[in-house]
N, C-alpha and C. Protein backbone atom coordinates (compact mmCIF):
# COMPACT_ATOMS: atom_id res chain seq x y z
N MET A 1 30.33 32.54 -48.35
CA MET A 1 29.30 33.37 -47.75
C MET A 1 29.59 33.59 -46.26
N SER A 2 29.01 34.60 -45.73
CA SER A 2 29.20 34.94 -44.33
C SER A 2 28.15 34.24 -43.45
N ASP A 3 28.55 33.91 -42.24
CA ASP A 3 27.62 33.29 -41.31
C ASP A 3 26.74 34.32 -40.58
N ALA A 4 27.02 35.57 -40.67
CA ALA A 4 26.31 36.60 -39.93
C ALA A 4 24.83 36.66 -40.27
N PRO A 5 24.39 36.63 -41.53
CA PRO A 5 22.95 36.73 -41.80
C PRO A 5 22.19 35.51 -41.23
N GLU A 6 22.77 34.33 -41.30
CA GLU A 6 22.11 33.15 -40.79
C GLU A 6 22.00 33.22 -39.26
N THR A 7 23.04 33.67 -38.57
CA THR A 7 23.03 33.80 -37.13
C THR A 7 22.00 34.84 -36.70
N ASP A 8 21.91 35.94 -37.42
CA ASP A 8 20.95 36.98 -37.07
C ASP A 8 19.51 36.47 -37.24
N ALA A 9 19.25 35.62 -38.21
CA ALA A 9 17.92 35.11 -38.44
C ALA A 9 17.51 34.10 -37.37
N VAL A 10 18.45 33.34 -36.86
CA VAL A 10 18.15 32.31 -35.86
C VAL A 10 18.07 32.92 -34.46
N SER A 11 18.91 33.84 -34.14
CA SER A 11 18.96 34.42 -32.81
C SER A 11 17.64 34.98 -32.32
N PRO A 12 16.97 35.81 -33.08
CA PRO A 12 15.68 36.35 -32.57
C PRO A 12 14.63 35.26 -32.35
N SER A 13 14.60 34.23 -33.18
CA SER A 13 13.61 33.19 -32.97
C SER A 13 13.90 32.38 -31.72
N ILE A 14 15.16 32.16 -31.41
CA ILE A 14 15.52 31.46 -30.17
C ILE A 14 15.18 32.33 -28.98
N GLN A 15 15.49 33.62 -29.07
CA GLN A 15 15.18 34.54 -27.98
C GLN A 15 13.66 34.62 -27.77
N THR A 16 12.91 34.66 -28.86
CA THR A 16 11.46 34.68 -28.75
C THR A 16 10.95 33.40 -28.11
N TRP A 17 11.49 32.27 -28.53
CA TRP A 17 11.11 30.99 -27.99
C TRP A 17 11.39 30.92 -26.50
N LEU A 18 12.60 31.36 -26.09
CA LEU A 18 12.96 31.38 -24.68
C LEU A 18 12.05 32.31 -23.88
N SER A 19 11.74 33.45 -24.45
CA SER A 19 10.86 34.40 -23.79
C SER A 19 9.47 33.82 -23.60
N GLN A 20 8.96 33.15 -24.62
CA GLN A 20 7.67 32.50 -24.50
C GLN A 20 7.70 31.40 -23.45
N GLY A 21 8.80 30.68 -23.40
CA GLY A 21 8.96 29.63 -22.39
C GLY A 21 8.96 30.22 -20.99
N GLU A 22 9.64 31.34 -20.81
CA GLU A 22 9.65 32.01 -19.50
C GLU A 22 8.25 32.46 -19.11
N GLN A 23 7.48 32.98 -20.08
CA GLN A 23 6.12 33.43 -19.80
C GLN A 23 5.23 32.24 -19.43
N LEU A 24 5.36 31.14 -20.17
CA LEU A 24 4.59 29.94 -19.85
C LEU A 24 4.94 29.41 -18.47
N TYR A 25 6.21 29.41 -18.15
CA TYR A 25 6.66 28.95 -16.84
C TYR A 25 6.08 29.82 -15.73
N ALA A 26 6.18 31.14 -15.89
CA ALA A 26 5.68 32.06 -14.88
C ALA A 26 4.17 31.87 -14.67
N ALA A 27 3.42 31.74 -15.76
CA ALA A 27 1.98 31.54 -15.66
C ALA A 27 1.65 30.22 -14.97
N ALA A 28 2.35 29.15 -15.36
CA ALA A 28 2.12 27.84 -14.76
C ALA A 28 2.50 27.85 -13.28
N LEU A 29 3.59 28.51 -12.93
CA LEU A 29 4.03 28.60 -11.54
C LEU A 29 3.00 29.37 -10.71
N ASN A 30 2.47 30.47 -11.24
CA ASN A 30 1.45 31.23 -10.53
C ASN A 30 0.20 30.39 -10.31
N GLU A 31 -0.21 29.65 -11.33
CA GLU A 31 -1.38 28.79 -11.21
C GLU A 31 -1.12 27.67 -10.17
N PHE A 32 0.07 27.08 -10.20
CA PHE A 32 0.44 26.06 -9.24
C PHE A 32 0.33 26.58 -7.82
N ARG A 33 0.89 27.77 -7.58
CA ARG A 33 0.87 28.34 -6.24
C ARG A 33 -0.55 28.66 -5.79
N ALA A 34 -1.40 29.15 -6.71
CA ALA A 34 -2.77 29.42 -6.38
C ALA A 34 -3.52 28.13 -6.00
N LEU A 35 -3.30 27.08 -6.79
CA LEU A 35 -3.95 25.80 -6.49
C LEU A 35 -3.44 25.22 -5.17
N GLU A 36 -2.16 25.36 -4.93
CA GLU A 36 -1.59 24.88 -3.67
C GLU A 36 -2.20 25.61 -2.49
N SER A 37 -2.41 26.90 -2.61
CA SER A 37 -3.04 27.69 -1.58
C SER A 37 -4.49 27.24 -1.35
N GLN A 38 -5.21 27.01 -2.45
CA GLN A 38 -6.58 26.52 -2.34
C GLN A 38 -6.62 25.15 -1.66
N LEU A 39 -5.67 24.32 -2.00
CA LEU A 39 -5.60 22.98 -1.41
C LEU A 39 -5.33 23.07 0.09
N ASP A 40 -4.45 23.97 0.50
CA ASP A 40 -4.16 24.16 1.93
C ASP A 40 -5.45 24.57 2.66
N GLU A 41 -6.19 25.51 2.07
CA GLU A 41 -7.44 25.96 2.68
C GLU A 41 -8.45 24.84 2.78
N LEU A 42 -8.57 24.05 1.72
CA LEU A 42 -9.52 22.93 1.72
C LEU A 42 -9.12 21.87 2.74
N GLU A 43 -7.81 21.61 2.89
CA GLU A 43 -7.34 20.63 3.86
C GLU A 43 -7.69 21.09 5.29
N GLN A 44 -7.56 22.39 5.54
CA GLN A 44 -7.91 22.92 6.85
C GLN A 44 -9.41 22.78 7.10
N LYS A 45 -10.22 23.11 6.11
CA LYS A 45 -11.68 22.96 6.23
C LYS A 45 -12.06 21.49 6.43
N LEU A 46 -11.39 20.60 5.70
CA LEU A 46 -11.66 19.19 5.82
C LEU A 46 -11.33 18.68 7.23
N ALA A 47 -10.20 19.11 7.76
CA ALA A 47 -9.83 18.69 9.12
C ALA A 47 -10.83 19.20 10.14
N ALA A 48 -11.28 20.44 10.00
CA ALA A 48 -12.28 21.00 10.92
C ALA A 48 -13.60 20.25 10.80
N LYS A 49 -14.00 19.92 9.59
CA LYS A 49 -15.25 19.18 9.39
C LYS A 49 -15.13 17.76 9.96
N GLN A 50 -13.97 17.16 9.85
CA GLN A 50 -13.76 15.83 10.42
C GLN A 50 -13.95 15.87 11.94
N VAL A 51 -13.39 16.89 12.59
CA VAL A 51 -13.54 17.05 14.02
C VAL A 51 -15.01 17.21 14.38
N GLU A 52 -15.71 18.04 13.62
CA GLU A 52 -17.14 18.26 13.85
C GLU A 52 -17.95 16.98 13.72
N VAL A 53 -17.70 16.23 12.63
CA VAL A 53 -18.40 14.99 12.40
C VAL A 53 -18.12 14.00 13.52
N ASN A 54 -16.88 13.90 13.95
CA ASN A 54 -16.51 12.95 15.01
C ASN A 54 -17.13 13.34 16.35
N GLN A 55 -17.25 14.64 16.61
CA GLN A 55 -17.91 15.07 17.84
C GLN A 55 -19.39 14.68 17.83
N ILE A 56 -20.05 14.93 16.71
CA ILE A 56 -21.45 14.56 16.58
C ILE A 56 -21.60 13.03 16.66
N ALA A 57 -20.72 12.33 15.99
CA ALA A 57 -20.79 10.85 16.01
C ALA A 57 -20.64 10.32 17.42
N GLN A 58 -19.75 10.90 18.19
CA GLN A 58 -19.53 10.45 19.57
C GLN A 58 -20.79 10.68 20.40
N ILE A 59 -21.46 11.82 20.19
CA ILE A 59 -22.65 12.14 20.97
C ILE A 59 -23.80 11.19 20.65
N ILE A 60 -23.97 10.86 19.37
CA ILE A 60 -25.12 10.03 18.98
C ILE A 60 -24.77 8.54 18.87
N GLY A 61 -23.53 8.17 19.18
CA GLY A 61 -23.16 6.78 19.19
C GLY A 61 -22.83 6.19 17.82
N LYS A 62 -22.49 7.02 16.89
CA LYS A 62 -22.11 6.54 15.55
C LYS A 62 -20.58 6.46 15.48
N PRO A 63 -20.08 5.65 14.55
CA PRO A 63 -18.62 5.59 14.39
C PRO A 63 -18.08 6.90 13.82
N GLY A 64 -16.89 7.24 14.26
CA GLY A 64 -16.25 8.44 13.74
C GLY A 64 -15.69 8.20 12.35
N VAL A 65 -15.26 9.26 11.72
CA VAL A 65 -14.68 9.14 10.39
C VAL A 65 -13.18 9.33 10.48
N GLU A 66 -12.50 8.65 9.62
CA GLU A 66 -11.06 8.80 9.51
C GLU A 66 -10.78 9.46 8.18
N GLY A 67 -9.73 10.22 8.13
CA GLY A 67 -9.36 10.84 6.84
C GLY A 67 -9.03 9.78 5.83
N THR A 68 -9.59 9.91 4.64
CA THR A 68 -9.32 8.93 3.58
C THR A 68 -8.30 9.47 2.60
N ARG A 69 -7.79 10.64 2.89
CA ARG A 69 -6.78 11.21 1.99
C ARG A 69 -5.48 10.46 2.15
N ARG A 70 -4.86 10.21 1.04
CA ARG A 70 -3.56 9.51 1.06
C ARG A 70 -2.47 10.52 1.32
N LEU A 71 -1.44 10.06 1.99
CA LEU A 71 -0.27 10.89 2.16
C LEU A 71 0.41 11.07 0.83
N SER A 72 0.87 12.26 0.58
CA SER A 72 1.57 12.48 -0.67
C SER A 72 3.07 12.43 -0.41
N ALA A 73 3.79 12.04 -1.40
CA ALA A 73 5.22 11.96 -1.29
C ALA A 73 5.85 12.83 -2.36
N GLN A 74 6.98 13.35 -2.08
CA GLN A 74 7.68 14.18 -3.04
C GLN A 74 8.78 13.35 -3.67
N LEU A 75 8.84 13.37 -4.99
CA LEU A 75 9.88 12.65 -5.68
C LEU A 75 11.19 13.40 -5.59
N THR A 76 12.27 12.70 -5.37
CA THR A 76 13.59 13.30 -5.37
C THR A 76 14.46 12.53 -6.33
N PRO A 77 15.47 13.18 -6.90
CA PRO A 77 16.33 12.48 -7.84
C PRO A 77 17.04 11.30 -7.14
N ALA A 78 17.20 10.23 -7.87
CA ALA A 78 17.88 9.06 -7.33
C ALA A 78 19.36 9.38 -7.17
N PRO A 79 19.98 8.82 -6.12
CA PRO A 79 21.42 9.04 -5.95
C PRO A 79 22.19 8.34 -7.06
N MET A 80 23.39 8.83 -7.32
CA MET A 80 24.21 8.27 -8.39
C MET A 80 24.62 6.84 -8.09
N ALA A 81 24.96 6.52 -6.85
CA ALA A 81 25.39 5.16 -6.50
C ALA A 81 24.34 4.54 -5.60
N ALA A 82 24.26 3.22 -5.65
CA ALA A 82 23.31 2.50 -4.79
C ALA A 82 23.76 2.60 -3.35
N THR A 83 22.83 2.51 -2.41
CA THR A 83 23.19 2.53 -1.00
C THR A 83 22.59 1.30 -0.33
N VAL A 84 23.24 0.88 0.73
CA VAL A 84 22.72 -0.23 1.52
C VAL A 84 22.67 0.23 2.97
N ILE A 85 21.78 -0.38 3.74
CA ILE A 85 21.69 -0.06 5.16
C ILE A 85 22.69 -0.96 5.87
N ASP A 86 23.57 -0.35 6.67
CA ASP A 86 24.66 -1.10 7.28
C ASP A 86 24.52 -1.10 8.79
N GLY A 87 24.32 -2.27 9.35
CA GLY A 87 24.35 -2.46 10.80
C GLY A 87 23.20 -1.80 11.55
N PRO A 88 23.29 -1.81 12.89
CA PRO A 88 22.21 -1.31 13.72
C PRO A 88 22.04 0.21 13.65
N SER A 89 23.06 0.93 13.16
CA SER A 89 22.95 2.38 13.10
C SER A 89 21.94 2.82 12.04
N ARG A 90 21.66 1.95 11.08
CA ARG A 90 20.69 2.19 10.01
C ARG A 90 21.02 3.41 9.16
N LEU A 91 22.28 3.71 9.03
CA LEU A 91 22.68 4.81 8.16
C LEU A 91 23.02 4.27 6.78
N PRO A 92 22.59 4.95 5.71
CA PRO A 92 22.94 4.47 4.37
C PRO A 92 24.43 4.55 4.14
N VAL A 93 24.97 3.52 3.55
CA VAL A 93 26.40 3.46 3.22
C VAL A 93 26.50 3.20 1.73
N PRO A 94 27.30 3.99 1.00
CA PRO A 94 27.41 3.77 -0.43
C PRO A 94 27.91 2.34 -0.72
N ALA A 95 27.29 1.71 -1.69
CA ALA A 95 27.68 0.35 -2.05
C ALA A 95 28.44 0.40 -3.36
N ALA A 96 29.52 -0.34 -3.41
CA ALA A 96 30.28 -0.43 -4.64
C ALA A 96 29.47 -1.22 -5.65
N GLN A 97 29.56 -0.87 -6.90
CA GLN A 97 28.82 -1.57 -7.94
C GLN A 97 29.27 -3.03 -7.98
N GLY A 98 28.31 -3.94 -7.88
CA GLY A 98 28.62 -5.36 -7.96
C GLY A 98 29.29 -5.93 -6.74
N ALA A 99 29.36 -5.18 -5.65
CA ALA A 99 30.04 -5.65 -4.45
C ALA A 99 29.14 -6.62 -3.71
N PRO A 100 29.73 -7.60 -3.01
CA PRO A 100 28.91 -8.47 -2.19
C PRO A 100 28.19 -7.66 -1.13
N GLY A 101 26.95 -8.00 -0.87
CA GLY A 101 26.19 -7.25 0.12
C GLY A 101 25.39 -6.13 -0.50
N ALA A 102 25.65 -5.81 -1.76
CA ALA A 102 24.86 -4.78 -2.43
C ALA A 102 23.48 -5.36 -2.70
N PRO A 103 22.42 -4.55 -2.56
CA PRO A 103 21.08 -5.10 -2.73
C PRO A 103 20.86 -5.60 -4.15
N ASN A 104 20.22 -6.76 -4.26
CA ASN A 104 19.82 -7.28 -5.57
C ASN A 104 18.32 -7.13 -5.68
N SER A 105 17.74 -7.60 -6.77
CA SER A 105 16.31 -7.40 -6.97
C SER A 105 15.49 -8.13 -5.89
N SER A 106 15.96 -9.27 -5.42
CA SER A 106 15.26 -10.00 -4.38
C SER A 106 15.27 -9.21 -3.06
N ALA A 107 16.44 -8.66 -2.74
CA ALA A 107 16.55 -7.87 -1.52
C ALA A 107 15.69 -6.62 -1.65
N ASN A 108 15.68 -5.98 -2.81
CA ASN A 108 14.87 -4.79 -3.02
C ASN A 108 13.39 -5.11 -2.83
N ALA A 109 12.96 -6.26 -3.34
CA ALA A 109 11.56 -6.65 -3.20
C ALA A 109 11.21 -6.88 -1.73
N THR A 110 12.14 -7.50 -1.00
CA THR A 110 11.93 -7.74 0.43
C THR A 110 11.81 -6.44 1.17
N ILE A 111 12.69 -5.51 0.87
CA ILE A 111 12.66 -4.19 1.51
C ILE A 111 11.36 -3.48 1.17
N ALA A 112 10.93 -3.55 -0.07
CA ALA A 112 9.68 -2.90 -0.49
C ALA A 112 8.49 -3.48 0.26
N ARG A 113 8.46 -4.82 0.40
CA ARG A 113 7.37 -5.46 1.15
C ARG A 113 7.36 -5.03 2.60
N ALA A 114 8.54 -4.94 3.19
CA ALA A 114 8.63 -4.53 4.59
C ALA A 114 8.17 -3.08 4.77
N LEU A 115 8.54 -2.22 3.86
CA LEU A 115 8.16 -0.81 3.95
C LEU A 115 6.67 -0.61 3.74
N THR A 116 6.04 -1.45 2.92
CA THR A 116 4.62 -1.29 2.65
C THR A 116 3.76 -2.07 3.64
N GLY A 117 4.38 -2.77 4.60
CA GLY A 117 3.61 -3.53 5.58
C GLY A 117 3.10 -4.84 5.06
N LYS A 118 3.59 -5.30 3.91
CA LYS A 118 3.14 -6.57 3.33
C LYS A 118 4.16 -7.67 3.56
N PHE A 119 5.07 -7.46 4.47
CA PHE A 119 6.11 -8.43 4.75
C PHE A 119 5.54 -9.57 5.60
N GLY A 120 5.76 -10.77 5.16
CA GLY A 120 5.35 -11.95 5.90
C GLY A 120 3.89 -12.30 5.77
N ARG A 121 3.21 -11.72 4.82
CA ARG A 121 1.79 -12.03 4.64
C ARG A 121 1.58 -12.95 3.49
């Protein structure tokens, strides 16, 4: 038998699937951008309101408010090789796998505690 009829039957369904995926992506991306824009506007309003509240608080002798919003972080792909901080320059240097001086789980935990401000507590 020939492979042509089977290929013809599969091709349109894959193209349809890809097309639907593109449409879903475009719609989700548009919604994401709209929400991001709304969030930017709300953050500006929140900052202005915080200034207003703090001005009023200062006049009437009440404590001011601090922003309770957490800083957001963006995830980035992990590098292929581990890195270590080398010397006072504090520049990352690629570490050979299993090399002496490469961070182990204990060193990673220590670094994590230092970065989160929980070091030595």
